[in-house]
Amino acid sequence: MNEALLKALTQARIHGSTWLESRTPARRDRGQTAVEYLGIIVVVVAIVVAISGTSIGQDIKNAIARKIASLTGGGGGQG
């Protein structure tokens, strides 16, 4: 992983841990959902960046294409 990605993941984890520890059942944070969505977005972006820098991304794309072809009868749309 590159340094920027590692730094972003570390900051997201620290923020998430701090948020989780500070939360109590009696306390309801406003905007909580927005923070959760932001965390999900950070994780998804990190995964996409990590996969795009390797051949794993192409392998996944090829596997998905093969599965779609087998489900639709194959032939790349010519059959």
C-alpha atoms as a PDB file:
ATOM      1  CA  MET A   1       0.000   0.000   0.000  1.00  0.00           C
ATOM      2  CA  ASN A   2       1.180   3.492  -0.611  1.00  0.00           C
ATOM      3  CA  GLU A   3       1.793   5.933   2.203  1.00  0.00           C
ATOM      4  CA  ALA A   4      -1.255   8.147   1.537  1.00  0.00           C
ATOM      5  CA  LEU A   5      -3.615   5.169   1.560  1.00  0.00           C
ATOM      6  CA  LEU A   6      -2.109   3.791   4.750  1.00  0.00           C
ATOM      7  CA  LYS A   7      -2.383   7.206   6.418  1.00  0.00           C
ATOM      8  CA  ALA A   8      -6.050   7.578   5.383  1.00  0.00           C
ATOM      9  CA  LEU A   9      -6.931   4.111   6.659  1.00  0.00           C
ATOM     10  CA  THR A  10      -5.153   4.742   9.957  1.00  0.00           C
ATOM     11  CA  GLN A  11      -6.945   8.037  10.482  1.00  0.00           C
ATOM     12  CA  ALA A  12     -10.308   6.460   9.656  1.00  0.00           C
ATOM     13  CA  ARG A  13      -9.694   3.630  12.104  1.00  0.00           C
ATOM     14  CA  ILE A  14      -8.593   5.996  14.876  1.00  0.00           C
ATOM     15  CA  HIS A  15     -11.623   8.206  14.282  1.00  0.00           C
ATOM     16  CA  GLY A  16     -13.958   5.215  14.267  1.00  0.00           C
ATOM     17  CA  SER A  17     -12.473   3.769  17.450  1.00  0.00           C
ATOM     18  CA  THR A  18     -12.620   7.107  19.244  1.00  0.00           C
ATOM     19  CA  TRP A  19     -16.212   7.640  18.159  1.00  0.00           C
ATOM     20  CA  LEU A  20     -17.243   4.168  19.251  1.00  0.00           C
ATOM     21  CA  GLU A  21     -15.603   4.497  22.677  1.00  0.00           C
ATOM     22  CA  SER A  22     -17.170   7.901  23.354  1.00  0.00           C
ATOM     23  CA  ARG A  23     -20.689   6.754  22.453  1.00  0.00           C
ATOM     24  CA  THR A  24     -23.022   5.728  25.229  1.00  0.00           C
ATOM     25  CA  PRO A  25     -26.540   4.273  24.957  1.00  0.00           C
ATOM     26  CA  ALA A  26     -28.105   7.425  26.414  1.00  0.00           C
ATOM     27  CA  ARG A  27     -26.352   9.734  23.935  1.00  0.00           C
ATOM     28  CA  ARG A  28     -27.648  10.176  20.396  1.00  0.00           C
ATOM     29  CA  ASP A  29     -25.341  12.054  18.044  1.00  0.00           C
ATOM     30  CA  ARG A  30     -26.877  14.154  15.329  1.00  0.00           C
ATOM     31  CA  GLY A  31     -25.353  13.479  11.945  1.00  0.00           C
ATOM     32  CA  GLN A  32     -24.344  10.021  13.029  1.00  0.00           C
ATOM     33  CA  THR A  33     -25.521   8.531   9.753  1.00  0.00           C
ATOM     34  CA  ALA A  34     -23.402  10.946   7.717  1.00  0.00           C
ATOM     35  CA  VAL A  35     -20.305   9.919   9.656  1.00  0.00           C
ATOM     36  CA  GLU A  36     -21.084   6.253   9.097  1.00  0.00           C
ATOM     37  CA  TYR A  37     -21.552   6.803   5.356  1.00  0.00           C
ATOM     38  CA  LEU A  38     -18.274   8.723   5.218  1.00  0.00           C
ATOM     39  CA  GLY A  39     -16.519   5.807   6.911  1.00  0.00           C
ATOM     40  CA  ILE A  40     -17.974   3.370   4.397  1.00  0.00           C
ATOM     41  CA  ILE A  41     -16.902   5.603   1.511  1.00  0.00           C
ATOM     42  CA  VAL A  42     -13.344   5.806   2.876  1.00  0.00           C
ATOM     43  CA  VAL A  43     -13.163   2.022   3.134  1.00  0.00           C
ATOM     44  CA  VAL A  44     -14.572   1.483  -0.376  1.00  0.00           C
ATOM     45  CA  VAL A  45     -12.152   4.020  -1.881  1.00  0.00           C
ATOM     46  CA  ALA A  46      -9.252   2.366  -0.065  1.00  0.00           C
ATOM     47  CA  ILE A  47     -10.255  -1.037  -1.437  1.00  0.00           C
ATOM     48  CA  VAL A  48     -10.647   0.299  -4.980  1.00  0.00           C
ATOM     49  CA  VAL A  49      -7.246   2.025  -4.832  1.00  0.00           C
ATOM     50  CA  ALA A  50      -5.595  -1.105  -3.454  1.00  0.00           C
ATOM     51  CA  ILE A  51      -7.167  -3.347  -6.100  1.00  0.00           C
ATOM     52  CA  SER A  52      -6.485  -0.989  -9.009  1.00  0.00           C
ATOM     53  CA  GLY A  53      -2.761  -1.028  -8.255  1.00  0.00           C
ATOM     54  CA  THR A  54      -2.527  -4.806  -8.734  1.00  0.00           C
ATOM     55  CA  SER A  55      -3.513  -7.445 -11.257  1.00  0.00           C
ATOM     56  CA  ILE A  56      -6.220  -8.614  -8.850  1.00  0.00           C
ATOM     57  CA  GLY A  57      -8.594  -6.011 -10.293  1.00  0.00           C
ATOM     58  CA  GLN A  58      -8.295  -7.476 -13.792  1.00  0.00           C
ATOM     59  CA  ASP A  59      -8.686 -11.013 -12.420  1.00  0.00           C
ATOM     60  CA  ILE A  60     -11.897 -10.001 -10.636  1.00  0.00           C
ATOM     61  CA  LYS A  61     -13.218  -8.302 -13.779  1.00  0.00           C
ATOM     62  CA  ASN A  62     -12.485 -11.401 -15.875  1.00  0.00           C
ATOM     63  CA  ALA A  63     -14.139 -13.722 -13.338  1.00  0.00           C
ATOM     64  CA  ILE A  64     -17.270 -11.558 -13.237  1.00  0.00           C
ATOM     65  CA  ALA A  65     -17.399 -11.408 -17.044  1.00  0.00           C
ATOM     66  CA  ARG A  66     -17.063 -15.214 -17.283  1.00  0.00           C
ATOM     67  CA  LYS A  67     -19.837 -15.734 -14.734  1.00  0.00           C
ATOM     68  CA  ILE A  68     -22.165 -13.298 -16.536  1.00  0.00           C
ATOM     69  CA  ALA A  69     -21.412 -15.030 -19.833  1.00  0.00           C
ATOM     70  CA  SER A  70     -22.195 -18.448 -18.343  1.00  0.00           C
ATOM     71  CA  LEU A  71     -25.480 -17.173 -16.876  1.00  0.00           C
ATOM     72  CA  THR A  72     -26.595 -15.492 -20.095  1.00  0.00           C
ATOM     73  CA  GLY A  73     -25.607 -18.335 -22.386  1.00  0.00           C
ATOM     74  CA  GLY A  74     -22.132 -17.096 -23.274  1.00  0.00           C
ATOM     75  CA  GLY A  75     -21.053 -16.051 -26.717  1.00  0.00           C
ATOM     76  CA  GLY A  76     -20.455 -12.416 -25.748  1.00  0.00           C
ATOM     77  CA  GLY A  77     -23.944 -11.368 -26.821  1.00  0.00           C
ATOM     78  CA  GLN A  78     -23.776 -13.150 -30.204  1.00  0.00           C
ATOM     79  CA  GLY A  79     -25.723 -16.231 -29.173  1.00  0.00           C
END
